[in-house]
């Protein structure tokens, strides 16, 4: 999905859609970081703009399920490493 469409994904199955998305400028991020980060922490995608153009997307990082990752690595089997130079 292009960065500019982050808040306006098409949805054909409902009549009214609430887009959980916030737009902030880089200046607003610098001046009021806690407000912008708090919005991302609550699950909103935050689009950061520069000179009116969307440049960056700030979103909360999903925690890693270590047990699932370890199981996936075990499923791969033994790994052969290339010799070091």
PDB file of N, CA and C in Angstrom:
ATOM      1  N   UNK A   1       0.850  -1.172   0.000  1.00  0.00           N
ATOM      2  CA  UNK A   1       0.000   0.000   0.000  1.00  0.00           C
ATOM      3  C   UNK A   1       0.895   1.234   0.000  1.00  0.00           C
ATOM      4  N   UNK A   2       0.700   2.167  -0.915  1.00  0.00           N
ATOM      5  CA  UNK A   2       1.508   3.378  -0.920  1.00  0.00           C
ATOM      6  C   UNK A   2       1.315   4.163   0.360  1.00  0.00           C
ATOM      7  N   UNK A   3       2.332   4.925   0.714  1.00  0.00           N
ATOM      8  CA  UNK A   3       2.318   5.665   1.976  1.00  0.00           C
ATOM      9  C   UNK A   3       1.152   6.634   2.043  1.00  0.00           C
ATOM     10  N   UNK A   4       0.800   7.272   0.955  1.00  0.00           N
ATOM     11  CA  UNK A   4      -0.280   8.248   0.960  1.00  0.00           C
ATOM     12  C   UNK A   4      -1.647   7.627   1.196  1.00  0.00           C
ATOM     13  N   UNK A   5      -1.806   6.327   0.941  1.00  0.00           N
ATOM     14  CA  UNK A   5      -3.094   5.653   1.104  1.00  0.00           C
ATOM     15  C   UNK A   5      -3.246   5.003   2.464  1.00  0.00           C
ATOM     16  N   UNK A   6      -2.343   5.239   3.392  1.00  0.00           N
ATOM     17  CA  UNK A   6      -2.365   4.551   4.676  1.00  0.00           C
ATOM     18  C   UNK A   6      -3.643   4.815   5.454  1.00  0.00           C
ATOM     19  N   UNK A   7      -4.207   6.004   5.350  1.00  0.00           N
ATOM     20  CA  UNK A   7      -5.408   6.335   6.110  1.00  0.00           C
ATOM     21  C   UNK A   7      -6.683   6.096   5.320  1.00  0.00           C
ATOM     22  N   UNK A   8      -6.561   5.800   4.048  1.00  0.00           N
ATOM     23  CA  UNK A   8      -7.739   5.734   3.211  1.00  0.00           C
ATOM     24  C   UNK A   8      -7.782   4.437   2.417  1.00  0.00           C
ATOM     25  N   UNK A   9      -7.647   3.330   3.096  1.00  0.00           N
ATOM     26  CA  UNK A   9      -7.717   2.034   2.430  1.00  0.00           C
ATOM     27  C   UNK A   9      -9.157   1.795   1.981  1.00  0.00           C
ATOM     28  N   UNK A  10      -9.355   1.278   0.785  1.00  0.00           N
ATOM     29  CA  UNK A  10     -10.724   1.064   0.312  1.00  0.00           C
ATOM     30  C   UNK A  10     -11.427  -0.023   1.110  1.00  0.00           C
ATOM     31  N   UNK A  11     -12.697   0.199   1.376  1.00  0.00           N
ATOM     32  CA  UNK A  11     -13.495  -0.772   2.114  1.00  0.00           C
ATOM     33  C   UNK A  11     -14.880  -0.778   1.494  1.00  0.00           C
ATOM     34  N   UNK A  12     -15.307  -1.908   0.953  1.00  0.00           N
ATOM     35  CA  UNK A  12     -16.576  -1.980   0.245  1.00  0.00           C
ATOM     36  C   UNK A  12     -17.671  -2.639   1.063  1.00  0.00           C
ATOM     37  N   UNK A  13     -17.347  -3.171   2.253  1.00  0.00           N
ATOM     38  CA  UNK A  13     -18.337  -3.945   2.979  1.00  0.00           C
ATOM     39  C   UNK A  13     -19.096  -3.142   4.035  1.00  0.00           C
ATOM     40  N   UNK A  14     -18.703  -1.916   4.296  1.00  0.00           N
ATOM     41  CA  UNK A  14     -19.400  -1.105   5.285  1.00  0.00           C
ATOM     42  C   UNK A  14     -19.681   0.269   4.701  1.00  0.00           C
ATOM     43  N   UNK A  15     -20.650   0.963   5.278  1.00  0.00           N
ATOM     44  CA  UNK A  15     -21.004   2.281   4.781  1.00  0.00           C
ATOM     45  C   UNK A  15     -20.161   3.378   5.426  1.00  0.00           C
ATOM     46  N   UNK A  16     -19.887   3.235   6.718  1.00  0.00           N
ATOM     47  CA  UNK A  16     -19.105   4.242   7.415  1.00  0.00           C
ATOM     48  C   UNK A  16     -17.863   3.583   7.984  1.00  0.00           C
ATOM     49  N   UNK A  17     -16.741   4.201   7.770  1.00  0.00           N
ATOM     50  CA  UNK A  17     -15.477   3.635   8.224  1.00  0.00           C
ATOM     51  C   UNK A  17     -14.749   4.699   9.024  1.00  0.00           C
ATOM     52  N   UNK A  18     -14.250   4.310  10.194  1.00  0.00           N
ATOM     53  CA  UNK A  18     -13.406   5.197  10.989  1.00  0.00           C
ATOM     54  C   UNK A  18     -11.975   4.788  10.725  1.00  0.00           C
ATOM     55  N   UNK A  19     -11.196   5.684  10.206  1.00  0.00           N
ATOM     56  CA  UNK A  19      -9.786   5.409   9.956  1.00  0.00           C
ATOM     57  C   UNK A  19      -8.980   5.871  11.154  1.00  0.00           C
ATOM     58  N   UNK A  20      -8.361   4.915  11.833  1.00  0.00           N
ATOM     59  CA  UNK A  20      -7.531   5.240  12.989  1.00  0.00           C
ATOM     60  C   UNK A  20      -6.172   5.670  12.468  1.00  0.00           C
ATOM     61  N   UNK A  21      -6.077   6.932  12.093  1.00  0.00           N
ATOM     62  CA  UNK A  21      -4.848   7.436  11.509  1.00  0.00           C
ATOM     63  C   UNK A  21      -4.689   8.901  11.912  1.00  0.00           C
ATOM     64  N   UNK A  22      -3.464   9.270  12.193  1.00  0.00           N
ATOM     65  CA  UNK A  22      -3.162  10.635  12.589  1.00  0.00           C
ATOM     66  C   UNK A  22      -2.101  11.163  11.641  1.00  0.00           C
ATOM     67  N   UNK A  23      -2.206  12.410  11.275  1.00  0.00           N
ATOM     68  CA  UNK A  23      -1.191  13.048  10.451  1.00  0.00           C
ATOM     69  C   UNK A  23      -0.524  14.128  11.281  1.00  0.00           C
ATOM     70  N   UNK A  24       0.800  14.155  11.252  1.00  0.00           N
ATOM     71  CA  UNK A  24       1.552  15.157  11.992  1.00  0.00           C
ATOM     72  C   UNK A  24       2.740  15.599  11.140  1.00  0.00           C
ATOM     73  N   UNK A  25       3.147  16.832  11.315  1.00  0.00           N
ATOM     74  CA  UNK A  25       4.335  17.317  10.617  1.00  0.00           C
ATOM     75  C   UNK A  25       5.564  16.973  11.443  1.00  0.00           C
ATOM     76  N   UNK A  26       6.721  17.057  10.809  1.00  0.00           N
ATOM     77  CA  UNK A  26       7.956  16.806  11.551  1.00  0.00           C
ATOM     78  C   UNK A  26       8.154  17.843  12.649  1.00  0.00           C
ATOM     79  N   UNK A  27       7.689  19.068  12.419  1.00  0.00           N
ATOM     80  CA  UNK A  27       7.773  20.107  13.446  1.00  0.00           C
ATOM     81  C   UNK A  27       6.897  19.751  14.637  1.00  0.00           C
ATOM     82  N   UNK A  28       5.672  19.253  14.371  1.00  0.00           N
ATOM     83  CA  UNK A  28       4.793  18.830  15.467  1.00  0.00           C
ATOM     84  C   UNK A  28       5.414  17.675  16.236  1.00  0.00           C
ATOM     85  N   UNK A  29       6.057  16.767  15.524  1.00  0.00           N
ATOM     86  CA  UNK A  29       6.728  15.650  16.193  1.00  0.00           C
ATOM     87  C   UNK A  29       7.815  16.165  17.130  1.00  0.00           C
ATOM     88  N   UNK A  30       8.583  17.134  16.678  1.00  0.00           N
ATOM     89  CA  UNK A  30       9.659  17.690  17.503  1.00  0.00           C
ATOM     90  C   UNK A  30       9.095  18.434  18.718  1.00  0.00           C
ATOM     91  N   UNK A  31       8.027  19.186  18.515  1.00  0.00           N
ATOM     92  CA  UNK A  31       7.470  19.999  19.607  1.00  0.00           C
ATOM     93  C   UNK A  31       6.619  19.209  20.585  1.00  0.00           C
ATOM     94  N   UNK A  32       5.919  18.202  20.106  1.00  0.00           N
ATOM     95  CA  UNK A  32       4.969  17.468  20.955  1.00  0.00           C
ATOM     96  C   UNK A  32       5.125  15.965  20.731  1.00  0.00           C
ATOM     97  N   UNK A  33       6.328  15.475  20.959  1.00  0.00           N
ATOM     98  CA  UNK A  33       6.657  14.071  20.703  1.00  0.00           C
ATOM     99  C   UNK A  33       5.743  13.127  21.475  1.00  0.00           C
ATOM    100  N   UNK A  34       5.473  13.425  22.730  1.00  0.00           N
ATOM    101  CA  UNK A  34       4.688  12.502  23.550  1.00  0.00           C
ATOM    102  C   UNK A  34       3.286  12.304  22.987  1.00  0.00           C
ATOM    103  N   UNK A  35       2.660  13.354  22.466  1.00  0.00           N
ATOM    104  CA  UNK A  35       1.312  13.232  21.898  1.00  0.00           C
ATOM    105  C   UNK A  35       1.330  12.355  20.650  1.00  0.00           C
ATOM    106  N   UNK A  36       2.317  12.551  19.794  1.00  0.00           N
ATOM    107  CA  UNK A  36       2.400  11.785  18.552  1.00  0.00           C
ATOM    108  C   UNK A  36       2.704  10.323  18.854  1.00  0.00           C
ATOM    109  N   UNK A  37       3.653  10.077  19.758  1.00  0.00           N
ATOM    110  CA  UNK A  37       4.019   8.698  20.102  1.00  0.00           C
ATOM    111  C   UNK A  37       2.876   8.010  20.835  1.00  0.00           C
ATOM    112  N   UNK A  38       2.153   8.733  21.674  1.00  0.00           N
ATOM    113  CA  UNK A  38       1.020   8.154  22.391  1.00  0.00           C
ATOM    114  C   UNK A  38      -0.045   7.668  21.404  1.00  0.00           C
ATOM    115  N   UNK A  39      -0.269   8.428  20.333  1.00  0.00           N
ATOM    116  CA  UNK A  39      -1.241   8.009  19.320  1.00  0.00           C
ATOM    117  C   UNK A  39      -0.796   6.704  18.664  1.00  0.00           C
ATOM    118  N   UNK A  40       0.486   6.605  18.344  1.00  0.00           N
ATOM    119  CA  UNK A  40       1.003   5.362  17.755  1.00  0.00           C
ATOM    120  C   UNK A  40       0.928   4.219  18.754  1.00  0.00           C
ATOM    121  N   UNK A  41       1.163   4.509  20.023  1.00  0.00           N
ATOM    122  CA  UNK A  41       1.115   3.489  21.064  1.00  0.00           C
ATOM    123  C   UNK A  41      -0.292   2.936  21.246  1.00  0.00           C
ATOM    124  N   UNK A  42      -1.299   3.738  20.944  1.00  0.00           N
ATOM    125  CA  UNK A  42      -2.689   3.299  21.069  1.00  0.00           C
ATOM    126  C   UNK A  42      -3.171   2.564  19.822  1.00  0.00           C
ATOM    127  N   UNK A  43      -2.268   2.315  18.885  1.00  0.00           N
ATOM    128  CA  UNK A  43      -2.611   1.518  17.717  1.00  0.00           C
ATOM    129  C   UNK A  43      -2.870   2.297  16.444  1.00  0.00           C
ATOM    130  N   UNK A  44      -2.820   3.610  16.508  1.00  0.00           N
ATOM    131  CA  UNK A  44      -3.040   4.407  15.305  1.00  0.00           C
ATOM    132  C   UNK A  44      -1.788   4.415  14.437  1.00  0.00           C
ATOM    133  N   UNK A  45      -1.978   4.445  13.128  1.00  0.00           N
ATOM    134  CA  UNK A  45      -0.867   4.730  12.232  1.00  0.00           C
ATOM    135  C   UNK A  45      -0.688   6.235  12.220  1.00  0.00           C
ATOM    136  N   UNK A  46       0.524   6.696  12.373  1.00  0.00           N
ATOM    137  CA  UNK A  46       0.805   8.125  12.347  1.00  0.00           C
ATOM    138  C   UNK A  46       1.608   8.398  11.084  1.00  0.00           C
ATOM    139  N   UNK A  47       1.080   9.259  10.232  1.00  0.00           N
ATOM    140  CA  UNK A  47       1.767   9.646   9.013  1.00  0.00           C
ATOM    141  C   UNK A  47       2.469  10.968   9.299  1.00  0.00           C
ATOM    142  N   UNK A  48       3.786  10.973   9.122  1.00  0.00           N
ATOM    143  CA  UNK A  48       4.568  12.187   9.317  1.00  0.00           C
ATOM    144  C   UNK A  48       4.781  12.843   7.960  1.00  0.00           C
ATOM    145  N   UNK A  49       4.475  14.127   7.888  1.00  0.00           N
ATOM    146  CA  UNK A  49       4.590  14.841   6.626  1.00  0.00           C
ATOM    147  C   UNK A  49       5.741  15.833   6.673  1.00  0.00           C
ATOM    148  N   UNK A  50       6.272  16.109   5.499  1.00  0.00           N
ATOM    149  CA  UNK A  50       7.339  17.107   5.350  1.00  0.00           C
ATOM    150  C   UNK A  50       6.974  17.952   4.138  1.00  0.00           C
ATOM    151  N   UNK A  51       6.806  19.235   4.344  1.00  0.00           N
ATOM    152  CA  UNK A  51       6.391  20.165   3.289  1.00  0.00           C
ATOM    153  C   UNK A  51       5.078  19.717   2.648  1.00  0.00           C
ATOM    154  N   UNK A  52       4.167  19.208   3.472  1.00  0.00           N
ATOM    155  CA  UNK A  52       2.846  18.816   3.010  1.00  0.00           C
ATOM    156  C   UNK A  52       2.774  17.453   2.337  1.00  0.00           C
ATOM    157  N   UNK A  53       3.889  16.779   2.183  1.00  0.00           N
ATOM    158  CA  UNK A  53       3.922  15.475   1.539  1.00  0.00           C
ATOM    159  C   UNK A  53       4.158  14.388   2.576  1.00  0.00           C
ATOM    160  N   UNK A  54       3.423  13.278   2.513  1.00  0.00           N
ATOM    161  CA  UNK A  54       3.664  12.185   3.463  1.00  0.00           C
ATOM    162  C   UNK A  54       5.050  11.594   3.228  1.00  0.00           C
ATOM    163  N   UNK A  55       5.827  11.470   4.312  1.00  0.00           N
ATOM    164  CA  UNK A  55       7.192  10.967   4.196  1.00  0.00           C
ATOM    165  C   UNK A  55       7.429   9.701   4.999  1.00  0.00           C
ATOM    166  N   UNK A  56       6.861   9.610   6.192  1.00  0.00           N
ATOM    167  CA  UNK A  56       7.168   8.503   7.096  1.00  0.00           C
ATOM    168  C   UNK A  56       5.894   7.984   7.733  1.00  0.00           C
ATOM    169  N   UNK A  57       5.913   6.721   8.120  1.00  0.00           N
ATOM    170  CA  UNK A  57       4.805   6.114   8.853  1.00  0.00           C
ATOM    171  C   UNK A  57       5.352   5.641  10.184  1.00  0.00           C
ATOM    172  N   UNK A  58       4.716   6.048  11.263  1.00  0.00           N
ATOM    173  CA  UNK A  58       5.106   5.647  12.610  1.00  0.00           C
ATOM    174  C   UNK A  58       4.024   4.716  13.130  1.00  0.00           C
ATOM    175  N   UNK A  59       4.410   3.484  13.480  1.00  0.00           N
ATOM    176  CA  UNK A  59       3.445   2.546  14.023  1.00  0.00           C
ATOM    177  C   UNK A  59       4.100   1.726  15.123  1.00  0.00           C
ATOM    178  N   UNK A  60       3.281   1.216  15.990  1.00  0.00           N
ATOM    179  CA  UNK A  60       3.764   0.428  17.106  1.00  0.00           C
ATOM    180  C   UNK A  60       4.353  -0.890  16.610  1.00  0.00           C
ATOM    181  N   UNK A  61       5.450  -1.298  17.195  1.00  0.00           N
ATOM    182  CA  UNK A  61       6.095  -2.557  16.836  1.00  0.00           C
ATOM    183  C   UNK A  61       5.396  -3.683  17.580  1.00  0.00           C
ATOM    184  N   UNK A  62       5.074  -4.742  16.849  1.00  0.00           N
ATOM    185  CA  UNK A  62       4.426  -5.891  17.470  1.00  0.00           C
ATOM    186  C   UNK A  62       5.472  -6.694  18.235  1.00  0.00           C
ATOM    187  N   UNK A  63       5.132  -7.160  19.428  1.00  0.00           N
ATOM    188  CA  UNK A  63       6.095  -7.966  20.183  1.00  0.00           C
ATOM    189  C   UNK A  63       6.376  -9.290  19.478  1.00  0.00           C
ATOM    190  N   UNK A  64       7.588  -9.773  19.650  1.00  0.00           N
ATOM    191  CA  UNK A  64       8.002 -11.020  19.017  1.00  0.00           C
ATOM    192  C   UNK A  64       7.576 -12.192  19.888  1.00  0.00           C
ATOM    193  N   UNK A  65       6.938 -13.178  19.271  1.00  0.00           N
ATOM    194  CA  UNK A  65       6.581 -14.410  19.961  1.00  0.00           C
ATOM    195  C   UNK A  65       7.792 -15.332  19.872  1.00  0.00           C
ATOM    196  N   UNK A  66       8.609 -15.349  20.914  1.00  0.00           N
ATOM    197  CA  UNK A  66       9.870 -16.096  20.885  1.00  0.00           C
ATOM    198  C   UNK A  66       9.655 -17.601  20.747  1.00  0.00           C
ATOM    199  N   UNK A  67       8.614 -18.118  21.347  1.00  0.00           N
ATOM    200  CA  UNK A  67       8.348 -19.558  21.241  1.00  0.00           C
ATOM    201  C   UNK A  67       8.011 -19.938  19.803  1.00  0.00           C
ATOM    202  N   UNK A  68       7.201 -19.131  19.137  1.00  0.00           N
ATOM    203  CA  UNK A  68       6.839 -19.410  17.749  1.00  0.00           C
ATOM    204  C   UNK A  68       8.059 -19.268  16.839  1.00  0.00           C
ATOM    205  N   UNK A  69       8.905 -18.275  17.115  1.00  0.00           N
ATOM    206  CA  UNK A  69      10.117 -18.089  16.310  1.00  0.00           C
ATOM    207  C   UNK A  69      11.068 -19.264  16.488  1.00  0.00           C
ATOM    208  N   UNK A  70      11.232 -19.737  17.721  1.00  0.00           N
ATOM    209  CA  UNK A  70      12.106 -20.882  17.978  1.00  0.00           C
ATOM    210  C   UNK A  70      11.557 -22.137  17.308  1.00  0.00           C
ATOM    211  N   UNK A  71      10.246 -22.324  17.345  1.00  0.00           N
ATOM    212  CA  UNK A  71       9.635 -23.485  16.691  1.00  0.00           C
ATOM    213  C   UNK A  71       9.836 -23.422  15.180  1.00  0.00           C
ATOM    214  N   UNK A  72       9.728 -22.223  14.592  1.00  0.00           N
ATOM    215  CA  UNK A  72       9.936 -22.079  13.153  1.00  0.00           C
ATOM    216  C   UNK A  72      11.381 -22.396  12.785  1.00  0.00           C
ATOM    217  N   UNK A  73      12.328 -21.977  13.623  1.00  0.00           N
ATOM    218  CA  UNK A  73      13.732 -22.283  13.359  1.00  0.00           C
ATOM    219  C   UNK A  73      13.999 -23.782  13.481  1.00  0.00           C
ATOM    220  N   UNK A  74      13.388 -24.426  14.482  1.00  0.00           N
ATOM    221  CA  UNK A  74      13.550 -25.875  14.625  1.00  0.00           C
ATOM    222  C   UNK A  74      12.967 -26.615  13.426  1.00  0.00           C
ATOM    223  N   UNK A  75      11.879 -26.104  12.871  1.00  0.00           N
ATOM    224  CA  UNK A  75      11.242 -26.744  11.723  1.00  0.00           C
ATOM    225  C   UNK A  75      12.128 -26.682  10.483  1.00  0.00           C
ATOM    226  N   UNK A  76      12.961 -25.667  10.396  1.00  0.00           N
ATOM    227  CA  UNK A  76      13.863 -25.542   9.246  1.00  0.00           C
ATOM    228  C   UNK A  76      14.894 -26.663   9.254  1.00  0.00           C
ATOM    229  N   UNK A  77      15.334 -27.034  10.440  1.00  0.00           N
ATOM    230  CA  UNK A  77      16.341 -28.085  10.557  1.00  0.00           C
ATOM    231  C   UNK A  77      17.732 -27.490  10.711  1.00  0.00           C
ATOM    232  N   UNK A  78      18.746 -28.342  10.641  1.00  0.00           N
ATOM    233  CA  UNK A  78      20.118 -27.862  10.824  1.00  0.00           C
ATOM    234  C   UNK A  78      20.498 -26.859   9.732  1.00  0.00           C
ATOM    235  N   UNK A  79      21.263 -25.879  10.114  1.00  0.00           N
ATOM    236  CA  UNK A  79      21.703 -24.841   9.191  1.00  0.00           C
ATOM    237  C   UNK A  79      23.212 -24.941   9.034  1.00  0.00           C
ATOM    238  N   UNK A  80      23.667 -24.912   7.799  1.00  0.00           N
ATOM    239  CA  UNK A  80      25.095 -24.939   7.538  1.00  0.00           C
ATOM    240  C   UNK A  80      25.578 -23.508   7.310  1.00  0.00           C
ATOM    241  N   UNK A  81      26.602 -23.114   8.030  1.00  0.00           N
ATOM    242  CA  UNK A  81      27.155 -21.790   7.887  1.00  0.00           C
ATOM    243  C   UNK A  81      28.305 -21.808   6.896  1.00  0.00           C
ATOM    244  N   UNK A  82      28.431 -20.745   6.136  1.00  0.00           N
ATOM    245  CA  UNK A  82      29.554 -20.624   5.221  1.00  0.00           C
ATOM    246  C   UNK A  82      30.825 -20.393   6.019  1.00  0.00           C
ATOM    247  N   UNK A  83      31.952 -20.860   5.542  1.00  0.00           N
ATOM    248  CA  UNK A  83      33.194 -20.636   6.276  1.00  0.00           C
ATOM    249  C   UNK A  83      33.539 -19.145   6.308  1.00  0.00           C
ATOM    250  N   UNK A  84      34.104 -18.722   7.426  1.00  0.00           N
ATOM    251  CA  UNK A  84      34.481 -17.316   7.576  1.00  0.00           C
ATOM    252  C   UNK A  84      35.753 -17.046   6.797  1.00  0.00           C
ATOM    253  N   UNK A  85      35.882 -15.867   6.307  1.00  0.00           N
ATOM    254  CA  UNK A  85      37.078 -15.491   5.543  1.00  0.00           C
ATOM    255  C   UNK A  85      38.161 -15.003   6.466  1.00  0.00           C
TER     256      UNK A  85
END
